[in-house]
């Protein structure tokens, strides 16, 4: 895989956020929330090192959106 999120990875990630999202994520530090989400994704899907790196960047750039979705 190149260093871009596939549509399947994006779908799986947002499905995970919908399923496990919690309001207490608002109080998590950014790094802690990224690690929590990465760990949850790794438990559900085998991720290569490249996939993990790409997902880490994807999550980091979307933390404000993730937090907003969880609140609403």
N, C-alpha and C. Protein backbone atom coordinates (compact mmCIF):
# COMPACT_ATOMS: atom_id res chain seq x y z
N UNK A 1 0.84 -1.19 0.00
CA UNK A 1 0.00 0.00 0.00
C UNK A 1 0.88 1.25 0.00
N UNK A 2 0.46 2.29 -0.74
CA UNK A 2 1.18 3.55 -0.68
C UNK A 2 0.76 4.29 0.58
N UNK A 3 1.18 5.53 0.73
CA UNK A 3 0.90 6.21 2.00
C UNK A 3 -0.38 7.04 1.94
N UNK A 4 -1.47 6.43 1.52
CA UNK A 4 -2.78 7.07 1.52
C UNK A 4 -3.80 6.11 2.12
N UNK A 5 -4.79 6.68 2.74
CA UNK A 5 -5.87 5.86 3.29
C UNK A 5 -6.71 5.32 2.14
N UNK A 6 -7.00 4.03 2.20
CA UNK A 6 -7.91 3.44 1.22
C UNK A 6 -9.34 3.74 1.66
N UNK A 7 -10.28 3.69 0.73
CA UNK A 7 -11.68 3.89 1.13
C UNK A 7 -12.11 2.89 2.22
N UNK A 8 -11.63 1.66 2.13
CA UNK A 8 -11.98 0.65 3.14
C UNK A 8 -11.43 1.04 4.52
N UNK A 9 -10.21 1.53 4.56
CA UNK A 9 -9.63 1.95 5.85
C UNK A 9 -10.42 3.12 6.44
N UNK A 10 -10.81 4.04 5.59
CA UNK A 10 -11.58 5.20 6.05
C UNK A 10 -12.92 4.74 6.61
N UNK A 11 -13.59 3.88 5.88
CA UNK A 11 -14.89 3.36 6.34
C UNK A 11 -14.76 2.64 7.67
N UNK A 12 -13.75 1.78 7.78
CA UNK A 12 -13.54 1.03 9.02
C UNK A 12 -13.22 1.96 10.18
N UNK A 13 -12.42 2.98 9.93
CA UNK A 13 -12.07 3.91 11.00
C UNK A 13 -13.30 4.65 11.51
N UNK A 14 -14.10 5.22 10.61
CA UNK A 14 -15.25 6.00 11.06
C UNK A 14 -16.33 5.11 11.67
N UNK A 15 -16.41 3.89 11.23
CA UNK A 15 -17.31 2.93 11.86
C UNK A 15 -16.88 2.70 13.31
N UNK A 16 -15.60 2.54 13.51
CA UNK A 16 -15.05 2.35 14.86
C UNK A 16 -15.36 3.56 15.74
N UNK A 17 -15.13 4.76 15.22
CA UNK A 17 -15.40 5.98 15.99
C UNK A 17 -16.87 6.02 16.38
N UNK A 18 -17.76 5.66 15.47
CA UNK A 18 -19.20 5.66 15.76
C UNK A 18 -19.55 4.65 16.85
N UNK A 19 -18.89 3.50 16.80
CA UNK A 19 -19.20 2.44 17.75
C UNK A 19 -18.65 2.70 19.15
N UNK A 20 -17.42 3.20 19.23
CA UNK A 20 -16.78 3.30 20.55
C UNK A 20 -16.61 4.72 21.05
N UNK A 21 -17.06 5.71 20.28
CA UNK A 21 -16.89 7.10 20.68
C UNK A 21 -17.54 7.39 22.02
N UNK A 22 -16.83 8.14 22.86
CA UNK A 22 -17.34 8.47 24.19
C UNK A 22 -17.06 9.94 24.49
N UNK A 23 -17.96 10.59 25.21
CA UNK A 23 -17.75 12.00 25.56
C UNK A 23 -16.47 12.27 26.34
N UNK A 24 -15.97 11.28 27.09
CA UNK A 24 -14.75 11.54 27.86
C UNK A 24 -13.53 11.71 26.96
N UNK A 25 -13.68 11.44 25.67
CA UNK A 25 -12.58 11.70 24.74
C UNK A 25 -12.24 13.19 24.70
N UNK A 26 -13.20 14.03 25.06
CA UNK A 26 -12.94 15.47 25.06
C UNK A 26 -11.86 15.85 26.06
N UNK A 27 -11.72 15.05 27.10
CA UNK A 27 -10.74 15.34 28.15
C UNK A 27 -9.38 14.68 27.89
N UNK A 28 -9.30 13.85 26.88
CA UNK A 28 -8.04 13.16 26.57
C UNK A 28 -7.07 14.12 25.89
N UNK A 29 -5.80 13.95 26.22
CA UNK A 29 -4.78 14.68 25.46
C UNK A 29 -4.77 14.15 24.04
N UNK A 30 -4.36 14.98 23.10
CA UNK A 30 -4.36 14.58 21.69
C UNK A 30 -3.59 13.27 21.47
N UNK A 31 -2.36 13.20 22.00
CA UNK A 31 -1.54 11.99 21.81
C UNK A 31 -2.22 10.75 22.39
N UNK A 32 -2.85 10.91 23.54
CA UNK A 32 -3.52 9.77 24.18
C UNK A 32 -4.71 9.30 23.34
N UNK A 33 -5.46 10.24 22.80
CA UNK A 33 -6.61 9.87 21.98
C UNK A 33 -6.17 9.20 20.69
N UNK A 34 -5.13 9.72 20.06
CA UNK A 34 -4.60 9.09 18.85
C UNK A 34 -4.18 7.66 19.17
N UNK A 35 -3.46 7.47 20.26
CA UNK A 35 -3.00 6.12 20.63
C UNK A 35 -4.18 5.19 20.95
N UNK A 36 -5.18 5.71 21.61
CA UNK A 36 -6.37 4.91 21.92
C UNK A 36 -7.04 4.43 20.63
N UNK A 37 -7.21 5.35 19.69
CA UNK A 37 -7.87 5.00 18.43
C UNK A 37 -7.01 4.05 17.59
N UNK A 38 -5.71 4.29 17.56
CA UNK A 38 -4.82 3.37 16.83
C UNK A 38 -4.87 1.97 17.42
N UNK A 39 -4.83 1.88 18.73
CA UNK A 39 -4.89 0.56 19.39
C UNK A 39 -6.20 -0.15 19.07
N UNK A 40 -7.30 0.59 19.11
CA UNK A 40 -8.59 -0.01 18.80
C UNK A 40 -8.63 -0.52 17.36
N UNK A 41 -8.08 0.25 16.45
CA UNK A 41 -8.04 -0.18 15.04
C UNK A 41 -7.16 -1.41 14.87
N UNK A 42 -6.03 -1.42 15.57
CA UNK A 42 -5.11 -2.56 15.45
C UNK A 42 -5.72 -3.84 16.02
N UNK A 43 -6.56 -3.71 17.02
CA UNK A 43 -7.22 -4.89 17.60
C UNK A 43 -8.23 -5.48 16.63
N UNK A 44 -8.84 -4.64 15.82
CA UNK A 44 -9.86 -5.10 14.87
C UNK A 44 -9.30 -5.53 13.53
N UNK A 45 -8.20 -4.92 13.12
CA UNK A 45 -7.67 -5.16 11.78
C UNK A 45 -6.14 -5.24 11.85
N UNK A 46 -5.61 -6.18 11.11
CA UNK A 46 -4.14 -6.29 11.03
C UNK A 46 -3.63 -5.11 10.21
N UNK A 47 -2.82 -4.28 10.84
CA UNK A 47 -2.28 -3.10 10.16
C UNK A 47 -0.78 -3.25 9.99
N UNK A 48 -0.32 -2.96 8.80
CA UNK A 48 1.12 -2.95 8.57
C UNK A 48 1.71 -1.69 9.22
N UNK A 49 3.00 -1.63 9.25
CA UNK A 49 3.68 -0.44 9.78
C UNK A 49 3.29 0.80 8.98
N UNK A 50 3.23 0.65 7.67
CA UNK A 50 2.84 1.77 6.81
C UNK A 50 1.39 2.18 7.08
N UNK A 51 0.49 1.19 7.17
CA UNK A 51 -0.91 1.50 7.47
C UNK A 51 -1.04 2.23 8.80
N UNK A 52 -0.29 1.79 9.79
CA UNK A 52 -0.34 2.42 11.11
C UNK A 52 0.13 3.86 11.04
N UNK A 53 1.19 4.10 10.31
CA UNK A 53 1.70 5.46 10.15
C UNK A 53 0.70 6.36 9.43
N UNK A 54 0.11 5.83 8.36
CA UNK A 54 -0.88 6.60 7.60
C UNK A 54 -2.10 6.89 8.46
N UNK A 55 -2.56 5.89 9.20
CA UNK A 55 -3.72 6.07 10.07
C UNK A 55 -3.41 7.07 11.19
N UNK A 56 -2.22 7.02 11.72
CA UNK A 56 -1.81 7.97 12.75
C UNK A 56 -1.93 9.40 12.23
N UNK A 57 -1.41 9.65 11.04
CA UNK A 57 -1.51 10.99 10.44
C UNK A 57 -2.97 11.37 10.20
N UNK A 58 -3.75 10.44 9.67
CA UNK A 58 -5.16 10.68 9.37
C UNK A 58 -5.91 11.09 10.64
N UNK A 59 -5.71 10.33 11.71
CA UNK A 59 -6.39 10.61 12.98
C UNK A 59 -5.95 11.96 13.53
N UNK A 60 -4.65 12.20 13.54
CA UNK A 60 -4.11 13.45 14.08
C UNK A 60 -4.71 14.67 13.40
N UNK A 61 -4.84 14.61 12.09
CA UNK A 61 -5.37 15.74 11.34
C UNK A 61 -6.87 15.93 11.55
N UNK A 62 -7.55 14.90 12.04
CA UNK A 62 -9.00 14.97 12.18
C UNK A 62 -9.49 14.94 13.63
N UNK A 63 -8.60 15.17 14.57
CA UNK A 63 -9.01 15.13 15.97
C UNK A 63 -10.15 16.09 16.30
N UNK A 64 -10.11 17.33 15.82
CA UNK A 64 -11.25 18.22 16.13
C UNK A 64 -12.57 17.64 15.62
N UNK A 65 -12.58 17.08 14.42
CA UNK A 65 -13.80 16.49 13.88
C UNK A 65 -14.22 15.27 14.69
N UNK A 66 -13.27 14.44 15.06
CA UNK A 66 -13.58 13.25 15.87
C UNK A 66 -14.23 13.67 17.18
N UNK A 67 -13.64 14.63 17.84
CA UNK A 67 -14.20 15.11 19.12
C UNK A 67 -15.61 15.69 18.94
N UNK A 68 -15.81 16.45 17.86
CA UNK A 68 -17.12 17.05 17.62
C UNK A 68 -18.17 15.98 17.34
N UNK A 69 -17.82 14.97 16.58
CA UNK A 69 -18.77 13.89 16.27
C UNK A 69 -19.17 13.15 17.53
N UNK A 70 -18.22 12.93 18.41
CA UNK A 70 -18.49 12.19 19.64
C UNK A 70 -19.44 12.98 20.55
N UNK A 71 -19.30 14.28 20.58
CA UNK A 71 -20.15 15.12 21.42
C UNK A 71 -21.58 15.13 20.89
N UNK A 72 -21.71 15.15 19.59
CA UNK A 72 -23.06 15.22 18.99
C UNK A 72 -23.53 13.84 18.79
